[in-house]
Structures are given as structure tokens and as C-alpha cells.
Protein backbone atom coordinates (compact mmCIF):
# COMPACT_ATOMS: atom_id res chain seq x y z
CA MET A 1 -41.18 -52.34 57.16
CA LYS A 2 -44.39 -53.33 58.88
CA ARG A 3 -43.90 -51.81 62.34
CA GLY A 4 -42.53 -48.46 63.45
CA ASN A 5 -41.41 -45.48 61.36
CA VAL A 6 -38.58 -44.96 58.87
CA SER A 7 -37.10 -41.59 57.94
CA LEU A 8 -34.60 -40.81 55.17
CA THR A 9 -32.45 -37.68 55.10
CA LEU A 10 -30.57 -36.57 52.00
CA THR A 11 -27.89 -33.89 52.05
CA ILE A 12 -26.31 -32.76 48.77
CA THR A 13 -23.05 -30.80 48.90
CA SER A 14 -21.64 -29.21 45.76
CA GLU A 15 -18.10 -30.17 44.84
CA ARG A 16 -17.44 -26.48 44.25
CA GLN A 17 -17.16 -25.05 47.76
CA THR A 18 -17.33 -21.33 46.78
CA LYS A 19 -19.11 -19.40 44.05
CA PRO A 20 -17.27 -16.88 41.81
CA LEU A 21 -17.05 -13.42 43.37
CA SER A 22 -17.66 -10.07 41.70
CA VAL A 23 -17.44 -6.44 42.80
CA ASN A 24 -20.49 -4.20 42.67
CA ARG A 25 -18.62 -1.29 41.11
CA THR A 26 -21.62 1.02 41.11
CA LEU A 27 -22.05 0.66 44.86
CA LEU A 28 -18.30 0.98 45.38
CA ALA A 29 -18.23 4.24 43.41
CA GLU A 30 -21.09 5.67 45.44
CA LEU A 31 -19.30 4.73 48.67
CA ALA A 32 -16.12 6.39 47.47
CA MET A 33 -18.00 9.64 46.73
CA LEU A 34 -19.66 9.61 50.16
CA VAL A 35 -16.36 8.91 51.91
CA GLU A 36 -14.71 11.81 50.08
CA GLU A 37 -17.48 14.19 51.14
CA VAL A 38 -17.12 13.08 54.77
CA ARG A 39 -13.35 13.56 54.62
CA LYS A 40 -13.69 17.11 53.35
CA THR A 41 -16.05 18.12 56.15
CA THR A 42 -14.49 16.17 59.04
CA GLY A 43 -10.87 15.66 58.06
CA ALA A 44 -11.15 11.91 58.61
CA ALA A 45 -8.46 9.58 57.34
CA PRO A 46 -9.10 7.93 53.98
CA PRO A 47 -10.56 4.39 54.19
CA SER A 48 -8.58 1.30 53.28
CA ALA A 49 -9.51 -0.87 50.35
CA ASP A 50 -10.36 -3.86 52.52
CA GLY A 51 -12.59 -1.61 54.64
CA LEU A 52 -14.63 -0.66 51.61
CA LEU A 53 -14.82 -4.25 50.39
CA ARG A 54 -16.24 -5.37 53.75
CA VAL A 55 -19.32 -3.21 53.26
CA ARG A 56 -22.31 -5.43 52.64
CA GLY A 57 -23.21 -5.61 48.96
CA VAL A 58 -19.85 -4.57 47.57
CA ILE A 59 -18.70 -8.19 47.17
CA GLU A 60 -21.29 -10.43 45.50
CA GLU A 61 -21.41 -14.16 44.74
CA GLU A 62 -22.20 -14.88 41.13
CA ASP A 63 -24.97 -17.34 40.36
CA ALA A 64 -23.43 -20.37 38.72
CA GLY A 65 -26.61 -20.96 36.78
CA GLU A 66 -28.91 -23.95 36.69
CA GLU A 67 -27.58 -27.42 36.12
CA SER A 68 -28.06 -28.85 32.65
CA GLU A 69 -30.59 -31.60 32.07
CA GLU A 70 -27.75 -34.04 31.45
CA ALA A 71 -26.09 -33.14 34.78
CA LEU A 72 -29.40 -33.47 36.65
CA ALA A 73 -30.01 -36.88 35.05
CA VAL A 74 -26.58 -38.06 36.19
CA LEU A 75 -27.25 -36.74 39.68
CA ASP A 76 -30.66 -38.44 39.82
CA LYS A 77 -29.18 -41.75 38.70
CA GLY A 78 -26.44 -41.48 41.32
CA LEU A 79 -28.97 -40.70 44.08
CA GLN A 80 -31.16 -43.66 43.10
CA SER A 81 -28.16 -46.00 43.06
CA THR A 82 -27.02 -44.80 46.47
CA LEU A 83 -30.53 -45.21 47.89
CA ASP A 84 -30.67 -48.78 46.57
CA GLU A 85 -27.34 -49.54 48.24
CA ALA A 86 -28.56 -48.05 51.54
CA LEU A 87 -31.79 -50.10 51.47
CA LYS A 88 -29.93 -53.32 50.65
CA ALA A 89 -27.55 -52.65 53.55
CA LEU A 90 -30.53 -52.02 55.82
CA VAL A 91 -32.20 -55.29 54.82
CA SER A 92 -28.95 -57.19 55.34
CA SER A 93 -28.39 -55.60 58.75
CA ARG A 94 -31.96 -56.32 59.85
CA ALA A 95 -31.64 -59.95 58.77
CA ALA A 96 -28.42 -60.43 60.75
CA GLU A 97 -29.85 -58.69 63.81
CA GLY A 98 -33.08 -60.68 63.51
CA GLN A 99 -31.22 -64.00 63.50
CA ALA A 100 -29.30 -63.02 66.63
CA LEU A 101 -32.47 -61.75 68.30
CA ALA A 102 -34.34 -64.96 67.48
CA ARG A 103 -31.65 -66.99 69.24
CA VAL A 104 -31.87 -64.73 72.31
CA ILE A 105 -35.66 -64.96 72.52
CA ASP A 106 -35.55 -68.71 71.93
CA GLY A 107 -33.17 -68.93 74.89
CA HIS A 108 -35.65 -67.03 77.06
CA VAL A 109 -38.48 -69.37 75.98
CA THR A 110 -36.31 -72.37 76.86
CA GLU A 111 -35.56 -70.82 80.26
CA ILE A 112 -39.27 -70.24 80.90
CA GLU A 113 -40.02 -73.81 79.84
CA GLY A 114 -37.45 -75.14 82.33
CA LEU A 115 -38.91 -73.05 85.15
CA CYS A 116 -42.41 -74.28 84.33
CA ARG A 117 -41.14 -77.86 84.47
CA ARG A 118 -39.64 -77.21 87.91
CA ALA A 119 -42.88 -75.54 89.02
CA THR A 120 -44.89 -78.58 87.91
CA GLU A 121 -42.66 -80.91 89.89
CA ARG A 122 -42.80 -78.66 92.94
CA ALA A 123 -46.58 -78.23 92.71
CA LEU A 124 -47.00 -81.96 93.35
CA ALA A 125 -45.17 -81.56 96.64
CA GLN A 126 -47.55 -78.78 97.69
CA ILE A 127 -50.21 -81.27 98.74
CA GLY A 128 -48.02 -82.67 101.52
CA THR A 129 -46.94 -79.16 102.51
CA VAL A 130 -50.52 -77.93 102.77
CA ARG A 131 -51.56 -80.99 104.80
CA ALA A 132 -48.65 -80.65 107.23
CA ARG A 133 -49.23 -76.95 107.65
CA PHE A 134 -52.94 -77.50 108.33
CA GLU A 135 -52.15 -80.09 111.00
CA ALA A 136 -49.57 -77.81 112.64
CA GLN A 137 -51.91 -74.82 112.68
CA LEU A 138 -54.77 -76.81 114.22
CA ALA A 139 -52.48 -78.35 116.81
CA GLU A 140 -51.18 -74.90 117.76
CA LEU A 141 -54.69 -73.51 117.93
CA LEU A 142 -56.23 -76.32 119.98
CA GLY A 143 -53.17 -77.39 121.90
CA ARG A 144 -53.48 -80.91 120.58
CA VAL A 145 -54.00 -82.87 117.41
CA PRO A 146 -57.63 -82.19 116.49
CA ALA A 147 -60.07 -84.96 116.99
CA LEU A 148 -61.56 -84.59 113.52
CA SER A 149 -62.98 -87.41 111.54
CA GLU A 150 -60.82 -88.56 108.70
CA GLU A 151 -63.52 -87.50 106.25
CA ARG A 152 -63.80 -83.95 107.67
CA PHE A 153 -60.04 -83.60 107.82
CA ALA A 154 -59.76 -84.72 104.19
CA GLN A 155 -62.40 -82.16 103.17
CA GLU A 156 -60.52 -79.31 104.83
CA VAL A 157 -57.24 -80.37 103.28
CA ALA A 158 -58.91 -80.74 99.87
CA LEU A 159 -60.31 -77.21 100.17
CA LEU A 160 -56.87 -75.75 100.94
CA VAL A 161 -55.21 -77.80 98.22
CA GLY A 162 -57.81 -76.56 95.74
CA LYS A 163 -57.01 -72.96 96.57
CA ALA A 164 -53.30 -73.65 96.11
CA ASP A 165 -53.75 -75.71 92.92
CA VAL A 166 -51.65 -74.13 90.15
CA ARG A 167 -52.14 -76.81 87.50
CA GLU A 168 -54.44 -74.57 85.47
CA GLU A 169 -51.83 -71.80 85.40
CA LEU A 170 -49.12 -74.27 84.45
CA ASP A 171 -51.27 -75.66 81.64
CA ARG A 172 -51.80 -72.16 80.26
CA LEU A 173 -48.09 -71.43 80.57
CA ALA A 174 -47.36 -74.57 78.54
CA ALA A 175 -49.79 -73.37 75.87
CA HIS A 176 -48.10 -69.94 75.85
CA ILE A 177 -44.69 -71.59 75.38
CA ALA A 178 -46.00 -73.47 72.35
CA GLN A 179 -47.45 -70.26 70.96
CA ALA A 180 -44.14 -68.45 71.49
CA ARG A 181 -42.29 -71.07 69.47
CA THR A 182 -44.92 -70.76 66.72
CA LEU A 183 -44.43 -66.99 66.61
CA LEU A 184 -40.66 -67.45 66.40
CA ALA A 185 -41.13 -69.77 63.43
CA ASP A 186 -43.44 -67.20 61.77
CA ALA A 187 -40.87 -64.45 62.36
CA ARG A 188 -38.24 -66.51 60.56
CA SER A 189 -40.67 -66.64 57.61
CA ASP A 190 -40.66 -62.82 57.50
CA ASN A 191 -44.14 -62.47 59.01
CA PRO A 192 -44.77 -59.57 61.43
CA VAL A 193 -45.26 -61.01 64.93
CA GLY A 194 -44.04 -58.23 67.25
CA ARG A 195 -47.43 -57.07 68.52
CA LYS A 196 -48.68 -60.63 69.03
CA PHE A 197 -45.50 -61.51 70.91
CA ASP A 198 -45.83 -58.42 73.09
CA PHE A 199 -49.39 -59.41 74.02
CA LEU A 200 -48.25 -62.98 74.70
CA CYS A 201 -45.65 -61.68 77.15
CA GLN A 202 -48.44 -59.96 79.05
CA GLU A 203 -50.26 -63.30 79.29
CA PHE A 204 -47.06 -65.00 80.48
CA ASN A 205 -46.70 -62.39 83.21
CA ARG A 206 -50.34 -62.73 84.28
CA GLU A 207 -50.01 -66.50 84.79
CA ALA A 208 -46.71 -66.08 86.64
CA ASN A 209 -48.33 -63.58 89.02
CA THR A 210 -51.24 -65.91 89.69
CA LEU A 211 -48.88 -68.81 90.32
CA CYS A 212 -47.00 -66.77 92.93
CA SER A 213 -50.20 -65.62 94.64
CA LYS A 214 -51.60 -69.17 94.87
CA SER A 215 -48.36 -70.82 95.92
CA ALA A 216 -48.35 -72.40 99.39
CA ASP A 217 -44.71 -73.45 99.13
CA ILE A 218 -41.71 -71.12 99.47
CA GLU A 219 -39.72 -72.98 96.81
CA LEU A 220 -42.61 -72.74 94.34
CA THR A 221 -42.87 -69.03 95.08
CA ARG A 222 -39.16 -68.61 94.31
CA ILE A 223 -39.63 -70.41 91.01
CA GLY A 224 -42.56 -68.09 90.23
CA ILE A 225 -40.41 -65.03 90.91
CA ASP A 226 -37.66 -66.39 88.65
CA LEU A 227 -40.34 -67.01 86.04
CA LYS A 228 -41.51 -63.39 86.21
CA GLY A 229 -37.92 -62.23 85.74
CA ALA A 230 -37.44 -64.46 82.69
CA VAL A 231 -40.70 -63.19 81.16
CA GLU A 232 -39.65 -59.57 81.68
CA ARG A 233 -36.27 -60.18 80.03
CA MET A 234 -38.04 -61.75 77.06
CA ARG A 235 -40.53 -58.88 76.87
CA GLU A 236 -37.67 -56.36 76.63
CA GLN A 237 -36.24 -58.22 73.63
CA VAL A 238 -39.65 -58.61 72.00
CA GLN A 239 -39.90 -54.79 71.75
CA ASN A 240 -37.27 -55.07 68.98
CA VAL A 241 -39.30 -57.55 66.94
CA GLU A 242 -41.26 -56.28 63.94
């Protein structure tokens, strides 16, 4: 166990449910004398036997005595054996759950990879979208197609395209995907990767946010939103990774 806390609770119940009972005859005799004195002065009815026995201290539980060394040794051996069985079952359960969890996270990584591939393809179409939008906005503002030189027009378009360029974010996302697959491989080798994976999810989310904010295309923005959702689903599963 390399992450989180583990607690063990042991409850031992004796096979003998009740201890032997005995009567405190001295106390019972004193009670009987007191009751008789009260009866003589008040004329009260005599008490019943069960009434006297219900008085605290009249009925006592006998101490069964300490267990013998042999009995304690048997008990200790049984406890150790049971603990070993519990730990083996825990390891087996964790291994089975880990294999299932690895497949789930790998599916999320594959989903993110597919969305990044779509975003890359769509980012190439942004150039034409930015150019057309720039032309439409200038025409609306000036009432006609602007009489700009081809060089000046190209500079303005290049400036807008540069602001909407998401290739850097996509490159970092590709690097994060490769790192995620490396961490999955390390996890299968029984290495603790949970904290690293959690931090990587934060980096995934940061790049997805930047992609959405820089997007100049509605379809690319939708892909970015889907990407953020996929990252969040993966992050939730990563919280279960040691």
C-alpha cells in the first residue's frame, strides 16, 4: 500500500456466551434481615425470591480465569492465519479491480486521442474560416470589400490566424497522451503512479481550456468541450489509482 490509509479491526467473541453465575449469600442474608425489620415495623408483604435476586450484587458472574499459554498460542496462530488470508484476498481483489480500471482509463485515453485527432484536422480548416470572417467583418464595417493591398490583407489574416493557432496545444496534448500510456504501463508493473496521473489530468484540462479559448471555429470549440468532458471522466477514475 503506497497511497492512502489502511485500518484493520479485530473483534474476538468467546464461544462461551455467558459466565457461570453465583449468589452472594452474605449480601442476600443481610438483605433478608433488613427486609424482616421493615416488615415488623410497617407490616409490608414479604418479598419474593426473584425480587431479592434482582438486587444488584446478589447475582455475580464468576471469573473464568485466564487462558492457558497453550490456548493463547492456538488463538494467536489462528489470528495470524486469518490475517494472512484477509491480506491475500485484499491483494487479489486489488489486482482484479486494477486490471478493470486500467482498461477503463485506457479507453478514456483512446477517446482523448481521437478527439485530438479530430481537433488537428479541424484546426487546419480554421485558416479559411478566419479569412472569410475577416472579409465579412470588413465588408460589413465599410459597406464594401476593403481596398487593401494583398500584402496588408495577408498580414491582418496572418495575425488573426496566429491568435487562433492551436497547434502548440495539440502538440502538448499529444505528449500528454504518450505520458498517460507510459504511466498505465508503469501501473501494470506495480509502480505507484496515482499522483503523477492526477497531475497529468490537470495538464490535460489546461490545454483543453486553452484550445477552447483560442478556437475561432464552432466545430473546433465543440470538440474542445468534448475533450474537457473526456478528461474529467478520466480524472475521476484516476482518483482510484494508487
